[in-house]
C-alpha cells in the first residue's frame, strides 16, 4: 500500500513574500548609501527590521502558533466527541458493555448494571461469564474464544438467544449484538444486551393463539379458505378433505372454478369475476362443486375482501358450508307446497283457511261458487 505523503506545516505566504520584498529593498538601499549617517543606510536598516518581523510572522504563525491553534481545536472537538459518546453510552436503553479478549468487562452502562442487578461501576473488571448461568459458562467461553479469533459484527436478533443470570441468581432471556473495536491497541467487543423476556411471553401467547385458531379451522365442518387477488387459493383448511375429498395442498394455487362442473363454472364464473372487480363482500352465494369421486354437492359461500396497510386489494377470505341437504329440503318443500296448492285449488269440496279470530285468509273456487261470491270477504262473522 502506498503511504500518504507527510503532512506539511502551514506557512503564512503573504508575510513571507512581504519579508522577501523588504529584504530586497533593504539590500538595494545598502548599495546606494555613501556613509554611515547616510539616509539610505538608515532606510536599509529599517527595511531589514521590517523584513525580519515579517519573516518572524511567517515562520512563527505558520509553523508554531497555527499548529498549536489547530491542536487546541482538535482537542476541544475530541472532548466534545467523547462527551457526546459518553452521554449516548450512559443513556442507551439497552445494556451496553465493552469486553476485552480475556473476558473482562472494561465498561458497562447503567442500563446493563440495572439489567443484571449491579450498582453503577460495579461491573468494571468483572468476568462476563458471571453474567451467565453456571451450566452455560464453559460453552460460552468457547464461543467467546471463537469470536475473538474471527471478530465480526453481529446484529441483534440474528443469533440465538441465551439465558442470562442476574446478581441474585434469577435468569432471563436475552439477545446480544456484538461489534469488534480496537481500544488502546487492544481488541475489544462491544456487546449490546436486550432483555427479551416480554418478547418471549408475547411469542408464546401468539403461538398458542395461532395453534388454537389452526385447531379450530382444521376441526371445523365448514371450509375456511383464502384466495389472492387473482382468485387462486392461498390457504385451505382441512375441511376440504371431508367436503371434496381433496387435500389442502391439492387446492392451493387453483381457482374455485376448477372444482365445479363445467356448466356451473360457466354460470358462476362471471359472478366470481364481477365480485373481484367490485371488491365487495360475498354473501351466501350458492354454487355446485364436484367431489373427487364425481358426486356433486352445493356449497354456500360468504367472504370478505382484505387489504394491505396501503389499502391495496389482496384477495378474499371466506367460509363455505355444505347446504346440499338444505337445498334439497327447500326444493322438496316447494314441491310439497305446489302439490298442496294444486289439490286445494281443484278440490271438489269447498275449502277455506281462516285465522283463529275468524278471518278468511284463503278460499278455493269451489267454496266461492257454493256461497255465490266472486271474491270472498275477509271476515266471516260467526266463524270461529
Protein backbone atom coordinates (compact mmCIF):
# COMPACT_ATOMS: atom_id res chain seq x y z
CA UNK A 1 0.00 0.00 0.00
CA UNK A 2 1.36 3.41 -0.91
CA UNK A 3 2.00 5.58 2.12
CA UNK A 4 0.45 9.05 2.09
CA UNK A 5 2.90 11.98 1.86
CA UNK A 6 3.85 13.55 5.20
CA UNK A 7 1.76 16.49 6.25
CA UNK A 8 3.49 19.85 5.79
CA UNK A 9 3.25 22.61 8.35
CA UNK A 10 1.21 25.54 7.09
CA UNK A 11 3.25 28.69 6.30
CA UNK A 12 1.78 32.20 6.05
CA UNK A 13 2.60 33.01 2.44
CA UNK A 14 1.80 36.72 2.37
CA UNK A 15 4.10 37.67 5.28
CA UNK A 16 6.84 35.54 3.73
CA UNK A 17 6.53 37.36 0.38
CA UNK A 18 6.48 40.72 2.17
CA UNK A 19 9.63 39.73 4.09
CA UNK A 20 11.37 38.78 0.85
CA UNK A 21 10.44 42.07 -0.79
CA UNK A 22 11.54 44.03 2.30
CA UNK A 23 14.92 42.27 2.27
CA UNK A 24 15.36 43.06 -1.42
CA UNK A 25 14.54 46.70 -0.76
CA UNK A 26 16.98 46.76 2.18
CA UNK A 27 19.83 45.33 0.11
CA UNK A 28 19.06 47.77 -2.69
CA UNK A 29 19.25 50.75 -0.29
CA UNK A 30 22.53 49.48 1.16
CA UNK A 31 24.02 49.69 -2.31
CA UNK A 32 23.12 53.38 -2.54
CA UNK A 33 24.34 54.81 0.76
CA UNK A 34 27.54 56.96 0.88
CA UNK A 35 28.34 56.89 4.60
CA UNK A 36 27.21 55.51 7.97
CA UNK A 37 24.99 58.53 8.56
CA UNK A 38 23.50 58.42 5.12
CA UNK A 39 19.69 58.36 4.80
CA UNK A 40 19.93 55.30 2.53
CA UNK A 41 21.77 53.39 5.25
CA UNK A 42 19.08 54.25 7.80
CA UNK A 43 16.28 53.24 5.40
CA UNK A 44 18.08 49.98 4.59
CA UNK A 45 18.23 49.04 8.29
CA UNK A 46 14.58 49.96 8.77
CA UNK A 47 13.55 47.71 5.85
CA UNK A 48 15.73 44.93 7.25
CA UNK A 49 13.95 45.14 10.62
CA UNK A 50 10.62 45.07 8.82
CA UNK A 51 11.74 42.05 6.81
CA UNK A 52 12.83 40.20 9.99
CA UNK A 53 9.49 40.98 11.64
CA UNK A 54 7.57 39.71 8.61
CA UNK A 55 9.76 36.62 8.43
CA UNK A 56 9.08 36.00 12.13
CA UNK A 57 5.34 36.26 11.49
CA UNK A 58 5.55 33.93 8.51
CA UNK A 59 7.52 31.25 10.36
CA UNK A 60 6.12 31.55 13.89
CA UNK A 61 2.48 31.95 12.95
CA UNK A 62 2.56 29.32 10.23
CA UNK A 63 4.78 26.74 11.90
CA UNK A 64 4.27 27.28 15.63
CA UNK A 65 1.19 29.23 16.60
CA UNK A 66 -1.14 27.87 13.87
CA UNK A 67 -0.38 24.17 14.60
CA UNK A 68 -0.96 24.84 18.30
CA UNK A 69 -4.28 26.51 17.47
CA UNK A 70 -5.31 23.55 15.28
CA UNK A 71 -4.28 21.15 18.02
CA UNK A 72 -6.33 23.03 20.59
CA UNK A 73 -9.36 22.97 18.27
CA UNK A 74 -8.87 19.23 17.69
CA UNK A 75 -8.62 18.62 21.44
CA UNK A 76 -11.77 20.64 22.03
CA UNK A 77 -13.62 18.69 19.33
CA UNK A 78 -12.29 15.43 20.79
CA UNK A 79 -13.53 16.38 24.25
CA UNK A 80 -16.94 17.24 22.81
CA UNK A 81 -17.00 13.96 20.88
CA UNK A 82 -16.04 11.98 23.97
CA UNK A 83 -18.71 13.77 25.98
CA UNK A 84 -21.31 13.02 23.34
CA UNK A 85 -20.29 9.37 23.11
CA UNK A 86 -20.27 9.09 26.88
CA UNK A 87 -23.75 10.61 27.05
CA UNK A 88 -25.01 8.19 24.42
CA UNK A 89 -23.34 5.29 26.21
CA UNK A 90 -24.84 6.26 29.56
CA UNK A 91 -28.33 6.97 28.15
CA UNK A 92 -28.65 3.88 25.92
CA UNK A 93 -31.87 1.98 26.80
CA UNK A 94 -30.18 -1.38 26.12
CA UNK A 95 -27.39 -2.76 28.22
CA UNK A 96 -24.01 -1.93 26.63
CA UNK A 97 -20.74 -3.49 27.77
CA UNK A 98 -17.18 -3.31 26.44
CA UNK A 99 -15.40 -6.63 26.97
CA UNK A 100 -11.73 -7.38 26.30
CA UNK A 101 -10.36 -10.55 24.75
CA UNK A 102 -9.81 -12.02 28.20
CA UNK A 103 -13.49 -11.78 29.02
CA UNK A 104 -13.15 -8.85 31.44
CA UNK A 105 -15.70 -6.05 31.37
CA UNK A 106 -13.93 -2.74 30.69
CA UNK A 107 -17.08 -0.60 30.74
CA UNK A 108 -20.78 -1.11 31.36
CA UNK A 109 -23.55 1.47 31.11
CA UNK A 110 -26.25 1.99 33.78
CA UNK A 111 -28.82 0.01 31.78
CA UNK A 112 -26.54 -3.05 31.81
CA UNK A 113 -25.89 -2.69 35.53
CA UNK A 114 -29.61 -2.36 36.26
CA UNK A 115 -30.45 -5.29 33.98
CA UNK A 116 -28.07 -7.63 35.84
CA UNK A 117 -28.77 -6.23 39.31
CA UNK A 118 -25.47 -4.41 39.95
CA UNK A 119 -24.63 -0.88 41.02
CA UNK A 120 -23.21 1.59 38.53
CA UNK A 121 -19.49 0.96 38.02
CA UNK A 122 -19.57 -2.31 39.95
CA UNK A 123 -19.32 -4.44 36.80
CA UNK A 124 -15.98 -2.96 35.65
CA UNK A 125 -13.26 -5.61 35.79
CA UNK A 126 -15.72 -8.44 36.34
CA UNK A 127 -15.66 -11.54 34.11
CA UNK A 128 -18.60 -11.52 31.73
CA UNK A 129 -19.00 -15.27 32.38
CA UNK A 130 -20.50 -14.30 35.77
CA UNK A 131 -23.50 -12.96 33.87
CA UNK A 132 -24.40 -16.47 32.68
CA UNK A 133 -25.85 -19.49 34.50
CA UNK A 134 -23.06 -21.81 35.62
CA UNK A 135 -24.23 -24.62 33.32
CA UNK A 136 -23.60 -22.43 30.27
CA UNK A 137 -20.26 -20.85 31.15
CA UNK A 138 -17.96 -23.46 29.61
CA UNK A 139 -19.79 -23.43 26.31
CA UNK A 140 -19.90 -19.63 26.28
CA UNK A 141 -16.16 -19.43 26.98
CA UNK A 142 -15.53 -21.50 23.86
CA UNK A 143 -17.88 -19.29 21.83
CA UNK A 144 -16.11 -16.15 23.10
CA UNK A 145 -12.72 -17.54 22.07
CA UNK A 146 -14.06 -18.34 18.62
CA UNK A 147 -15.48 -14.82 18.30
CA UNK A 148 -12.24 -13.04 19.23
CA UNK A 149 -10.33 -15.36 16.86
CA UNK A 150 -12.53 -14.15 13.97
CA UNK A 151 -14.30 -10.98 15.13
CA UNK A 152 -17.16 -9.61 13.07
CA UNK A 153 -20.28 -7.52 13.63
CA UNK A 154 -23.36 -9.50 14.60
CA UNK A 155 -26.73 -7.75 14.63
CA UNK A 156 -29.40 -8.12 17.26
CA UNK A 157 -31.87 -10.92 16.51
CA UNK A 158 -29.66 -12.74 14.01
CA UNK A 159 -28.10 -15.06 16.55
CA UNK A 160 -29.60 -17.45 19.03
CA UNK A 161 -30.99 -16.22 22.29
CA UNK A 162 -29.23 -17.12 25.50
CA UNK A 163 -30.06 -17.33 29.18
CA UNK A 164 -28.55 -14.57 31.29
CA UNK A 165 -28.24 -14.52 35.07
CA UNK A 166 -28.88 -11.62 37.42
CA UNK A 167 -26.89 -10.98 40.55
CA UNK A 168 -29.45 -12.74 42.72
CA UNK A 169 -29.43 -15.86 40.54
CA UNK A 170 -32.60 -15.16 38.59
CA UNK A 171 -32.46 -15.95 34.87
CA UNK A 172 -33.92 -14.13 31.90
CA UNK A 173 -33.90 -14.49 28.12
CA UNK A 174 -31.59 -12.09 26.30
CA UNK A 175 -30.40 -11.22 22.82
CA UNK A 176 -26.97 -9.74 22.17
CA UNK A 177 -25.41 -7.75 19.33
CA UNK A 178 -21.61 -7.81 19.01
CA UNK A 179 -19.22 -5.44 17.31
CA UNK A 180 -15.38 -5.60 17.43
CA UNK A 181 -13.45 -2.43 18.27
CA UNK A 182 -9.80 -1.54 18.94
CA UNK A 183 -9.23 0.36 22.20
CA UNK A 184 -5.69 1.26 23.33
CA UNK A 185 -4.37 -1.00 20.55
CA UNK A 186 -6.19 -4.00 22.04
CA UNK A 187 -9.15 -5.87 20.58
CA UNK A 188 -12.42 -5.47 22.46
CA UNK A 189 -16.03 -6.33 21.74
CA UNK A 190 -18.98 -4.03 22.27
CA UNK A 191 -21.88 -6.18 23.49
CA UNK A 192 -25.39 -4.72 23.38
CA UNK A 193 -27.73 -6.83 25.52
CA UNK A 194 -31.53 -6.71 25.47
CA UNK A 195 -33.91 -8.43 27.86
CA UNK A 196 -36.45 -10.23 25.64
CA UNK A 197 -38.46 -11.92 28.38
CA UNK A 198 -41.52 -9.91 27.39
CA UNK A 199 -40.95 -10.79 23.74
CA UNK A 200 -40.77 -14.49 24.55
CA UNK A 201 -44.03 -14.33 26.52
CA UNK A 202 -45.68 -12.47 23.66
CA UNK A 203 -44.36 -15.01 21.15
CA UNK A 204 -45.63 -17.90 23.27
CA UNK A 205 -49.05 -16.24 23.52
CA UNK A 206 -49.06 -15.66 19.77
CA UNK A 207 -48.05 -19.26 19.05
CA UNK A 208 -50.76 -20.54 21.41
CA UNK A 209 -53.32 -18.28 19.74
CA UNK A 210 -52.24 -19.48 16.29
CA UNK A 211 -52.42 -23.09 17.45
CA UNK A 212 -55.95 -22.55 18.80
CA UNK A 213 -57.02 -20.86 15.57
CA UNK A 214 -55.44 -23.59 13.46
CA UNK A 215 -57.10 -26.29 15.57
CA UNK A 216 -60.46 -24.55 15.25
CA UNK A 217 -60.10 -24.20 11.49
CA UNK A 218 -58.87 -27.74 10.98
CA UNK A 219 -61.69 -29.23 13.04
CA UNK A 220 -64.46 -27.04 11.71
CA UNK A 221 -67.01 -28.74 9.46
CA UNK A 222 -67.04 -25.59 7.32
CA UNK A 223 -64.37 -24.98 4.72
CA UNK A 224 -62.27 -21.90 5.53
CA UNK A 225 -60.16 -20.56 2.69
CA UNK A 226 -58.26 -17.60 1.31
CA UNK A 227 -57.68 -16.55 -2.29
CA UNK A 228 -55.33 -13.91 -3.66
CA UNK A 229 -56.17 -11.00 -5.96
CA UNK A 230 -56.14 -13.36 -8.96
CA UNK A 231 -58.67 -15.73 -7.39
CA UNK A 232 -56.19 -18.53 -6.67
CA UNK A 233 -56.32 -20.36 -3.33
CA UNK A 234 -53.50 -19.43 -0.95
CA UNK A 235 -54.92 -21.20 2.11
CA UNK A 236 -57.37 -24.03 2.70
CA UNK A 237 -58.46 -25.68 5.93
CA UNK A 238 -58.54 -29.46 6.27
CA UNK A 239 -62.33 -29.46 5.87
CA UNK A 240 -61.88 -29.51 2.10
CA UNK A 241 -60.80 -33.14 2.56
CA UNK A 242 -64.21 -34.00 4.02
CA UNK A 243 -66.23 -31.93 1.55
CA UNK A 244 -64.45 -32.50 -1.77
CA UNK A 245 -62.13 -35.38 -0.95
CA UNK A 246 -59.10 -33.19 -1.73
CA UNK A 247 -56.07 -32.43 0.41
CA UNK A 248 -55.42 -28.72 1.08
CA UNK A 249 -52.22 -28.95 -0.96
CA UNK A 250 -54.27 -30.03 -3.99
CA UNK A 251 -56.35 -26.87 -3.75
CA UNK A 252 -53.58 -24.29 -3.25
CA UNK A 253 -52.77 -22.36 -6.43
CA UNK A 254 -56.05 -23.25 -8.18
CA UNK A 255 -59.33 -21.40 -8.66
CA UNK A 256 -62.69 -22.49 -7.17
CA UNK A 257 -63.95 -22.72 -10.75
CA UNK A 258 -61.58 -25.66 -11.29
CA UNK A 259 -63.66 -27.76 -8.88
CA UNK A 260 -67.09 -27.04 -10.37
CA UNK A 261 -68.95 -28.91 -13.13
CA UNK A 262 -68.42 -27.25 -16.48
CA UNK A 263 -71.95 -25.83 -16.68
CA UNK A 264 -71.79 -24.48 -13.13
CA UNK A 265 -68.37 -22.92 -13.77
CA UNK A 266 -69.83 -21.20 -16.82
CA UNK A 267 -72.71 -19.84 -14.73
CA UNK A 268 -70.71 -18.85 -11.64
CA UNK A 269 -67.57 -17.60 -13.42
CA UNK A 270 -68.99 -14.17 -14.41
CA UNK A 271 -70.38 -13.71 -10.88
CA UNK A 272 -66.99 -14.57 -9.36
CA UNK A 273 -65.10 -12.19 -11.65
CA UNK A 274 -67.59 -9.37 -11.06
CA UNK A 275 -67.12 -9.74 -7.29
CA UNK A 276 -63.38 -9.34 -7.73
CA UNK A 277 -63.84 -6.25 -9.88
CA UNK A 278 -66.18 -4.64 -7.35
CA UNK A 279 -64.24 -5.95 -4.32
CA UNK A 280 -67.41 -6.20 -2.28
CA UNK A 281 -68.33 -8.86 0.31
CA UNK A 282 -69.86 -12.10 -0.95
CA UNK A 283 -72.99 -13.04 0.96
CA UNK A 284 -74.46 -16.58 0.86
CA UNK A 285 -73.61 -17.38 -2.74
CA UNK A 286 -74.65 -20.93 -3.67
CA UNK A 287 -72.86 -22.97 -6.31
CA UNK A 288 -72.31 -26.64 -7.13
CA UNK A 289 -68.96 -28.37 -6.68
CA UNK A 290 -67.68 -31.69 -7.96
CA UNK A 291 -66.07 -34.09 -5.47
CA UNK A 292 -63.11 -36.30 -6.23
CA UNK A 293 -65.41 -39.33 -6.51
CA UNK A 294 -67.63 -37.49 -9.02
CA UNK A 295 -70.54 -36.68 -6.72
CA UNK A 296 -71.99 -33.17 -6.66
CA UNK A 297 -72.73 -31.02 -3.68
CA UNK A 298 -73.90 -27.46 -3.11
CA UNK A 299 -71.78 -25.05 -1.07
CA UNK A 300 -72.96 -21.74 0.35
CA UNK A 301 -70.13 -19.20 0.39
CA UNK A 302 -69.65 -15.94 2.27
CA UNK A 303 -66.41 -13.98 2.02
CA UNK A 304 -64.91 -10.57 2.73
CA UNK A 305 -62.14 -8.75 0.85
CA UNK A 306 -58.92 -7.98 2.71
CA UNK A 307 -56.43 -5.19 2.03
CA UNK A 308 -52.85 -4.36 2.93
CA UNK A 309 -51.81 -1.39 5.06
CA UNK A 310 -51.84 0.83 1.98
CA UNK A 311 -55.40 -0.11 1.02
CA UNK A 312 -54.39 -2.37 -1.88
CA UNK A 313 -56.77 -5.27 -2.54
CA UNK A 314 -55.10 -8.60 -1.74
CA UNK A 315 -57.95 -11.09 -2.14
CA UNK A 316 -60.80 -12.70 -0.22
CA UNK A 317 -61.09 -14.70 2.98
CA UNK A 318 -64.19 -16.81 3.14
CA UNK A 319 -66.07 -19.76 4.51
CA UNK A 320 -68.10 -22.34 2.60
CA UNK A 321 -70.56 -24.83 4.08
CA UNK A 322 -72.37 -27.79 2.64
CA UNK A 323 -76.03 -26.86 2.05
CA UNK A 324 -76.83 -29.77 -0.28
CA UNK A 325 -79.35 -31.28 2.14
CA UNK A 326 -80.84 -27.88 2.95
CA UNK A 327 -81.23 -27.12 -0.75
CA UNK A 328 -82.89 -30.47 -1.35
CA UNK A 329 -85.20 -29.84 1.61
CA UNK A 330 -86.15 -26.43 0.24
CA UNK A 331 -86.82 -27.97 -3.15
CA UNK A 332 -88.93 -30.74 -1.56
CA UNK A 333 -90.83 -28.18 0.49
CA UNK A 334 -91.54 -26.08 -2.59
CA UNK A 335 -92.76 -29.17 -4.47
CA UNK A 336 -94.96 -30.14 -1.48
CA UNK A 337 -96.44 -26.66 -1.31
CA UNK A 338 -97.14 -26.76 -5.03
CA UNK A 339 -98.91 -30.12 -4.69
CA UNK A 340 -100.98 -28.87 -1.77
CA UNK A 341 -101.91 -25.71 -3.69
CA UNK A 342 -102.96 -27.76 -6.69
CA UNK A 343 -105.13 -30.09 -4.56
CA UNK A 344 -106.59 -27.15 -2.64
CA UNK A 345 -107.48 -25.18 -5.76
CA UNK A 346 -109.05 -28.09 -7.65
CA UNK A 347 -110.76 -29.86 -4.76
CA UNK A 348 -114.50 -30.60 -5.37
CA UNK A 349 -115.07 -29.73 -1.74
CA UNK A 350 -115.30 -26.11 -0.68
CA UNK A 351 -112.28 -25.31 1.46
CA UNK A 352 -111.02 -22.23 3.24
CA UNK A 353 -108.16 -21.26 5.50
CA UNK A 354 -109.04 -18.97 8.39
CA UNK A 355 -107.13 -17.31 11.24
CA UNK A 356 -108.01 -18.01 14.90
CA UNK A 357 -110.02 -14.77 15.06
CA UNK A 358 -112.27 -15.83 12.17
CA UNK A 359 -110.66 -14.00 9.29
CA UNK A 360 -110.72 -15.84 5.96
CA UNK A 361 -107.20 -15.98 4.72
CA UNK A 362 -107.81 -18.02 1.59
CA UNK A 363 -110.70 -19.90 -0.08
CA UNK A 364 -110.79 -22.15 -3.12
CA UNK A 365 -113.04 -21.62 -6.13
CA UNK A 366 -115.43 -24.39 -5.07
CA UNK A 367 -116.29 -22.62 -1.82
CA UNK A 368 -116.72 -19.30 -3.60
CA UNK A 369 -119.14 -20.88 -6.08
CA UNK A 370 -121.12 -22.59 -3.29
CA UNK A 371 -121.58 -19.31 -1.42
CA UNK A 372 -122.18 -17.23 -4.55
CA UNK A 373 -119.18 -14.97 -4.12
CA UNK A 374 -116.79 -13.92 -6.76
CA UNK A 375 -114.40 -12.75 -4.09
CA UNK A 376 -114.84 -13.92 -0.51
CA UNK A 377 -114.97 -11.20 2.15
CA UNK A 378 -112.04 -11.14 4.51
CA UNK A 379 -114.18 -11.56 7.63
CA UNK A 380 -116.98 -14.04 8.20
CA UNK A 381 -118.98 -13.25 11.34
CA UNK A 382 -119.72 -16.25 13.49
CA UNK A 383 -116.84 -18.32 12.07
CA UNK A 384 -114.54 -19.33 14.89
